[in-house]
Protein backbone atom coordinates (compact mmCIF):
# COMPACT_ATOMS: atom_id res chain seq x y z
CA MET A 1 -50.22 -29.96 -32.25
CA PRO A 2 -47.48 -27.45 -33.16
CA PRO A 3 -45.67 -25.77 -30.28
CA VAL A 4 -47.07 -22.48 -29.11
CA SER A 5 -44.63 -19.63 -29.74
CA ALA A 6 -43.98 -17.06 -27.03
CA VAL A 7 -45.93 -13.85 -27.29
CA PRO A 8 -43.53 -10.93 -27.92
CA ALA A 9 -43.53 -8.15 -25.36
CA THR A 10 -45.41 -5.03 -26.26
CA SER A 11 -43.71 -1.70 -26.66
CA SER A 12 -45.18 -0.45 -23.40
CA THR A 13 -43.64 -3.39 -21.49
CA GLN A 14 -40.22 -2.88 -23.12
CA GLY A 15 -40.18 0.78 -22.26
CA GLN A 16 -40.80 0.31 -18.53
CA PRO A 17 -37.79 1.27 -16.39
CA GLY A 18 -38.13 -1.59 -13.95
CA THR A 19 -36.97 -4.42 -16.24
CA ASP A 20 -34.93 -7.39 -15.01
CA ALA A 21 -31.81 -6.20 -16.91
CA GLU A 22 -31.77 -2.90 -15.11
CA ALA A 23 -32.64 -4.45 -11.75
CA SER A 24 -29.63 -6.81 -11.99
CA LEU A 25 -27.13 -3.94 -12.23
CA THR A 26 -25.10 -3.37 -9.07
CA ASN A 27 -22.77 -0.67 -7.82
CA PRO A 28 -19.39 -0.95 -9.64
CA GLY A 29 -17.28 0.03 -6.62
CA THR A 30 -14.52 2.63 -6.73
CA PHE A 31 -11.94 3.53 -9.38
CA GLU A 32 -9.08 2.36 -7.14
CA GLU A 33 -10.62 -1.11 -6.90
CA CYS A 34 -10.51 -1.78 -10.66
CA HIS A 35 -7.03 -3.38 -10.62
CA ARG A 36 -7.03 -4.36 -6.93
CA LYS A 37 -8.01 -8.00 -7.43
CA CYS A 38 -4.92 -8.60 -9.55
CA LYS A 39 -2.56 -6.54 -7.37
CA GLU A 40 -3.50 -8.50 -4.25
CA VAL A 41 -1.94 -11.61 -5.81
CA PHE A 42 1.54 -10.04 -6.00
CA PRO A 43 3.97 -10.06 -3.03
CA VAL A 44 4.10 -7.07 -0.70
CA GLN A 45 7.19 -4.91 -1.21
CA ILE A 46 9.19 -5.55 1.95
CA GLU A 47 12.81 -6.61 2.44
CA GLY A 48 13.66 -9.16 5.08
CA VAL A 49 11.40 -10.52 7.82
CA ARG A 50 8.33 -8.91 9.36
CA LEU A 51 6.63 -10.00 12.58
CA VAL A 52 3.08 -8.75 13.19
CA VAL A 53 1.22 -9.01 16.50
CA ASN A 54 -2.50 -8.10 16.49
CA LYS A 55 -4.41 -7.63 19.72
CA GLY A 56 -8.12 -6.90 19.98
CA LEU A 57 -8.90 -4.82 23.06
CA SER A 58 -12.66 -4.73 22.39
CA ASN A 59 -15.19 -5.31 19.62
CA HIS A 60 -14.39 -1.86 18.25
CA PHE A 61 -10.69 -1.29 19.07
CA GLN A 62 -7.57 -3.17 17.98
CA VAL A 63 -3.84 -2.50 18.21
CA SER A 64 -0.92 -3.99 16.28
CA HIS A 65 2.85 -4.20 16.70
CA THR A 66 5.05 -4.68 13.63
CA VAL A 67 8.79 -5.40 13.74
CA THR A 68 10.76 -5.39 10.47
CA LEU A 69 14.26 -6.86 10.20
CA SER A 70 16.24 -6.26 7.02
CA THR A 71 19.87 -6.50 5.95
CA LEU A 72 19.34 -4.22 2.92
CA GLY A 73 17.00 -1.51 4.23
CA ASP A 74 16.28 0.01 7.62
CA SER A 75 14.91 -2.19 10.37
CA GLY A 76 12.22 -0.65 12.50
CA TYR A 77 9.09 -0.87 14.61
CA ARG A 78 5.56 0.36 13.94
CA PHE A 79 2.63 0.72 16.31
CA GLY A 80 -0.84 0.71 14.81
CA ALA A 81 -4.36 1.25 16.09
CA THR A 82 -7.77 0.68 14.49
CA TYR A 83 -11.15 1.87 15.74
CA VAL A 84 -14.46 0.81 14.19
CA GLY A 85 -17.61 2.69 15.17
CA ARG A 86 -21.07 1.43 16.01
CA LYS A 87 -22.90 2.66 12.88
CA GLN A 88 -23.43 -0.56 10.93
CA THR A 89 -24.35 -0.15 7.26
CA GLY A 90 -23.92 -3.77 6.19
CA PRO A 91 -23.05 -7.27 7.39
CA ALA A 92 -19.31 -6.44 7.43
CA GLU A 93 -19.31 -2.61 7.39
CA SER A 94 -19.40 -0.25 10.36
CA PHE A 95 -18.48 3.41 10.59
CA PRO A 96 -16.62 5.56 11.38
CA VAL A 97 -13.30 3.79 10.81
CA MET A 98 -10.08 5.32 12.12
CA VAL A 99 -6.76 3.68 11.22
CA GLY A 100 -3.28 4.93 12.09
CA ASP A 101 0.27 3.74 12.60
CA MET A 102 3.52 5.38 13.73
CA ASP A 103 7.09 4.13 13.37
CA ASN A 104 10.06 4.53 15.69
CA THR A 105 11.09 7.83 14.00
CA GLY A 106 7.74 9.51 14.69
CA SER A 107 6.36 9.34 11.14
CA LEU A 108 2.57 8.95 11.10
CA ASN A 109 0.06 7.52 8.62
CA ALA A 110 -3.60 8.02 9.48
CA GLN A 111 -6.99 7.94 7.78
CA VAL A 112 -10.59 8.42 8.83
CA ILE A 113 -13.49 6.94 6.83
CA HIS A 114 -17.10 7.79 7.59
CA GLN A 115 -20.45 7.00 5.98
CA LEU A 116 -22.28 10.33 6.09
CA THR A 117 -25.49 9.01 4.48
CA ASN A 118 -26.58 5.81 2.77
CA ARG A 119 -25.05 7.12 -0.47
CA ILE A 120 -22.23 9.49 0.57
CA ARG A 121 -18.92 8.38 2.06
CA SER A 122 -15.98 10.61 3.04
CA LYS A 123 -12.32 9.90 3.77
CA LEU A 124 -9.48 11.97 5.22
CA VAL A 125 -5.86 10.83 4.81
CA MET A 126 -2.83 12.38 6.52
CA GLN A 127 0.86 11.51 6.35
CA THR A 128 3.77 13.02 8.25
CA GLN A 129 7.50 12.43 8.08
CA GLN A 130 8.83 12.97 11.58
CA HIS A 131 7.61 16.51 12.42
CA LYS A 132 6.71 17.64 8.86
CA PHE A 133 3.43 17.22 6.98
CA VAL A 134 4.11 15.33 3.75
CA ASN A 135 0.67 14.59 2.35
CA TRP A 136 -2.98 15.06 3.16
CA GLN A 137 -6.09 14.57 1.10
CA CYS A 138 -9.86 14.45 1.48
CA ASP A 139 -12.32 12.38 -0.56
CA ALA A 140 -16.05 12.57 -1.16
CA GLU A 141 -17.79 9.62 -2.78
CA TYR A 142 -21.37 9.10 -3.96
CA ARG A 143 -22.57 5.55 -4.65
CA GLY A 144 -25.69 5.09 -6.74
CA ASP A 145 -27.46 1.87 -7.58
CA ASP A 146 -25.33 1.30 -10.69
CA PHE A 147 -22.66 4.04 -10.62
CA THR A 148 -20.03 5.68 -8.41
CA ALA A 149 -18.86 9.30 -8.56
CA ALA A 150 -15.94 10.56 -6.45
CA VAL A 151 -13.86 13.71 -6.00
CA THR A 152 -10.43 13.88 -4.30
CA LEU A 153 -8.55 17.00 -3.22
CA GLY A 154 -4.88 16.50 -2.41
CA ASN A 155 -2.33 18.81 -0.77
CA PRO A 156 -4.25 22.07 -1.38
CA ASP A 157 -2.34 25.28 -0.62
CA VAL A 158 -4.33 28.47 -1.14
CA LEU A 159 -1.41 30.82 -0.45
CA VAL A 160 0.94 29.20 -2.95
CA GLY A 161 -1.82 28.23 -5.38
CA SER A 162 -1.03 24.54 -5.66
CA GLY A 163 -2.93 21.30 -5.30
CA ILE A 164 -4.32 18.25 -7.04
CA LEU A 165 -7.96 17.62 -7.95
CA VAL A 166 -9.08 14.16 -9.09
CA ALA A 167 -12.55 13.18 -10.35
CA HIS A 168 -13.71 9.59 -10.93
CA TYR A 169 -16.83 8.09 -12.46
CA LEU A 170 -17.75 4.41 -12.92
CA GLN A 171 -20.91 3.07 -14.58
CA SER A 172 -22.21 -0.51 -14.69
CA LEU A 173 -23.44 -1.26 -18.21
CA SER A 174 -24.19 -4.92 -17.50
CA PRO A 175 -23.69 -7.33 -14.61
CA ALA A 176 -20.20 -8.08 -16.01
CA LEU A 177 -19.10 -4.86 -17.79
CA VAL A 178 -18.07 -1.59 -16.11
CA LEU A 179 -16.81 1.54 -17.88
CA GLY A 180 -15.54 4.78 -16.40
CA GLY A 181 -13.07 7.62 -16.52
CA GLU A 182 -10.65 9.69 -14.47
CA LEU A 183 -9.71 13.38 -14.69
CA VAL A 184 -6.62 14.64 -12.84
CA TYR A 185 -5.90 18.37 -12.57
CA HIS A 186 -2.68 19.52 -10.91
CA ARG A 187 -1.36 23.01 -10.34
CA ARG A 188 1.72 24.56 -8.81
CA PRO A 189 3.56 27.85 -9.37
CA GLY A 190 4.45 28.11 -13.04
CA GLU A 191 2.85 24.83 -14.04
CA GLU A 192 -0.59 23.30 -14.41
CA GLY A 193 -2.13 20.55 -16.49
CA THR A 194 -4.74 17.84 -16.80
CA VAL A 195 -4.53 14.11 -17.49
CA THR A 196 -7.50 11.99 -18.50
CA SER A 197 -7.86 8.23 -18.62
CA PHE A 198 -10.58 5.69 -19.33
CA VAL A 199 -11.10 2.30 -17.72
CA GLY A 200 -13.00 -0.83 -18.64
CA ARG A 201 -13.49 -3.88 -16.45
CA TYR A 202 -15.06 -7.22 -17.33
CA THR A 203 -15.85 -9.71 -14.57
CA GLY A 204 -16.41 -13.39 -15.33
CA SER A 205 -17.24 -16.33 -13.12
CA ASN A 206 -13.64 -16.79 -11.96
CA TYR A 207 -11.67 -14.01 -13.65
CA VAL A 208 -11.44 -10.21 -13.91
CA ALA A 209 -9.94 -8.34 -16.91
CA THR A 210 -9.25 -4.60 -16.61
CA LEU A 211 -7.79 -2.03 -19.03
CA THR A 212 -6.90 1.61 -18.30
CA VAL A 213 -5.79 3.88 -21.16
CA GLY A 214 -4.96 7.58 -20.92
CA GLY A 215 -2.48 10.35 -21.51
CA ALA A 216 -0.08 8.93 -18.91
CA GLY A 217 0.05 5.49 -20.53
CA ALA A 218 -1.76 2.18 -20.33
CA HIS A 219 -2.34 -0.40 -17.61
CA ALA A 220 -3.85 -3.82 -18.24
CA SER A 221 -4.40 -6.57 -15.69
CA TYR A 222 -5.89 -10.05 -15.68
CA TYR A 223 -6.86 -11.99 -12.56
CA HIS A 224 -7.82 -15.67 -12.57
CA LYS A 225 -8.89 -17.88 -9.69
CA ALA A 226 -7.89 -21.42 -10.60
CA ASN A 227 -9.27 -22.99 -7.40
CA ASP A 228 -9.65 -22.27 -3.70
CA GLN A 229 -5.88 -22.52 -3.19
CA LEU A 230 -4.34 -20.99 -6.35
CA GLN A 231 -4.82 -17.50 -7.83
CA ILE A 232 -2.78 -15.93 -10.62
CA GLY A 233 -2.43 -12.43 -12.06
CA VAL A 234 -0.75 -10.77 -15.04
CA GLU A 235 -0.06 -7.04 -15.38
CA PHE A 236 1.09 -4.89 -18.30
CA GLU A 237 2.11 -1.27 -17.74
CA ALA A 238 3.28 1.34 -20.27
CA SER A 239 4.37 4.84 -19.27
CA THR A 240 4.54 7.67 -21.80
CA ARG A 241 6.61 9.84 -19.46
CA MET A 242 9.23 7.18 -18.72
CA GLN A 243 9.03 5.67 -22.23
CA ASP A 244 9.04 2.24 -20.65
CA THR A 245 6.89 -0.88 -20.60
CA SER A 246 6.83 -3.80 -18.18
CA VAL A 247 5.04 -7.11 -17.77
CA SER A 248 4.62 -8.88 -14.43
CA PHE A 249 3.33 -12.32 -13.51
CA GLY A 250 2.24 -13.18 -9.98
CA TYR A 251 0.55 -16.01 -8.16
CA GLN A 252 -0.80 -16.74 -4.70
CA LEU A 253 -0.87 -20.18 -3.11
CA ASP A 254 -2.93 -20.71 0.03
CA VAL A 255 -2.35 -23.76 2.24
CA PRO A 256 -5.03 -23.42 4.92
CA LYS A 257 -4.19 -26.67 6.70
CA ALA A 258 -0.67 -25.40 7.38
CA ASN A 259 -1.75 -21.74 7.88
CA LEU A 260 0.63 -20.75 5.08
CA LEU A 261 0.23 -18.12 2.36
CA PHE A 262 2.85 -17.96 -0.40
CA LYS A 263 3.08 -15.26 -3.09
CA GLY A 264 5.53 -15.14 -5.97
CA SER A 265 6.21 -12.81 -8.91
CA LEU A 266 8.40 -12.44 -12.01
CA ASP A 267 8.60 -9.33 -14.20
CA SER A 268 10.08 -8.48 -17.59
CA ASN A 269 13.21 -7.07 -15.90
CA TRP A 270 13.90 -10.60 -14.63
CA VAL A 271 13.24 -9.67 -11.01
CA VAL A 272 11.92 -12.55 -8.94
CA GLY A 273 10.05 -11.82 -5.70
CA ALA A 274 8.45 -14.06 -3.11
CA THR A 275 6.79 -13.72 0.28
CA LEU A 276 5.85 -16.35 2.82
CA GLU A 277 3.29 -15.63 5.55
CA LYS A 278 2.84 -18.00 8.46
CA LYS A 279 0.08 -17.54 11.02
CA LEU A 280 1.26 -18.73 14.43
CA LEU A 281 -2.09 -19.93 15.76
CA PRO A 282 -3.54 -19.87 18.37
CA LEU A 283 -1.36 -16.84 19.12
CA PRO A 284 -2.34 -13.53 17.44
CA LEU A 285 0.96 -13.56 15.53
CA SER A 286 1.91 -13.71 11.87
CA LEU A 287 5.42 -14.00 10.43
CA ASN A 288 6.21 -12.56 6.98
CA SER A 289 9.44 -13.04 5.05
CA ARG A 290 10.33 -11.72 1.60
CA GLY A 291 13.18 -12.15 -0.81
CA ASP A 292 14.04 -10.56 -4.16
CA SER A 293 16.56 -11.59 -6.79
CA ARG A 294 17.49 -10.36 -10.24
CA ILE A 295 18.27 -12.97 -12.86
CA SER A 296 21.35 -12.03 -14.89
CA THR A 297 20.37 -12.42 -18.53
CA ASP A 298 24.00 -12.12 -19.65
CA THR A 299 25.00 -15.06 -17.44
CA THR A 300 22.00 -17.10 -18.56
CA LEU A 301 22.72 -16.47 -22.25
CA HIS A 302 26.41 -17.28 -21.71
CA HIS A 303 25.59 -20.65 -20.13
CA ALA A 304 23.06 -21.42 -22.85
CA TRP A 305 25.55 -20.56 -25.63
CA THR A 306 28.33 -22.57 -23.94
CA GLY A 307 26.06 -25.60 -23.58
CA ALA A 308 24.98 -25.40 -27.22
CA LYS A 309 28.61 -25.06 -28.36
CA ARG A 310 29.70 -28.12 -26.38
CA HIS A 311 26.78 -30.11 -27.76
CA GLY A 312 27.76 -29.11 -31.31
CA ASP A 313 31.39 -30.10 -30.74
CA MET A 314 30.30 -33.52 -29.47
CA ASP A 315 28.13 -34.05 -32.57
CA GLN A 316 31.11 -33.30 -34.83
CA HIS A 317 33.21 -35.94 -33.09
């Protein structure tokens, strides 16, 4: 008996909105998270050694003490506090969230995040430098089933007529593909303008590829998880304003048995960076150290040319 062929779906079934393809679409996240997976692989920009002490005072309140020692930059101390509210919206999400830290000079960084409804989330960020306000911004974000729309207002000044307005939109087209755009409008006395950019992100089983193209330039990143211990990332950035391009390679090596986390990077300017983080269990301490070095291409080329010349002289003899 010949095999029975599948009966094709009727037009009424294909036109129904509740198909499996549409049901599999998820929220794409935020615009800032598009390149985050790759950036987390690269070392944190610190100079010297950093000691972090975290202390949980309750299930909702935690404080931290950070001491930075550097021979190149300024050494200092930062005190931080984090409060997480009782409104739980997910297995690992509770609101409101209040995070702040202050250094030994009195400069403050603080932000408040709150889930107003199941779809709407707001954030307020404030930054001071000693006794002066440097930056403050407020965000409003709406998360649909398969899209995210957000608006950010930064440093608005009604009297002077200045400020920055940023609008983001991300749309999931498939379980792996996300497309979106960004519109930035800035204004200050005697100057105003807009910059647009478009982003595309493709997520595989163990990799994420992202491309952002706009009037300010281009930014491409690729993240790959080789195994549970090794992750790598590659970034390409081109700026139209600076007329400059750069390529960076980074990797992260996790050694859980030794409580060690190592990150390294190398860019097209021949700058090598590395950080080593050691968790001092069972104490609530972590020790971070970082080092940077620039490889002299002139010296490298000189040694390579000298070695080749000596090798050629030996062949002649």
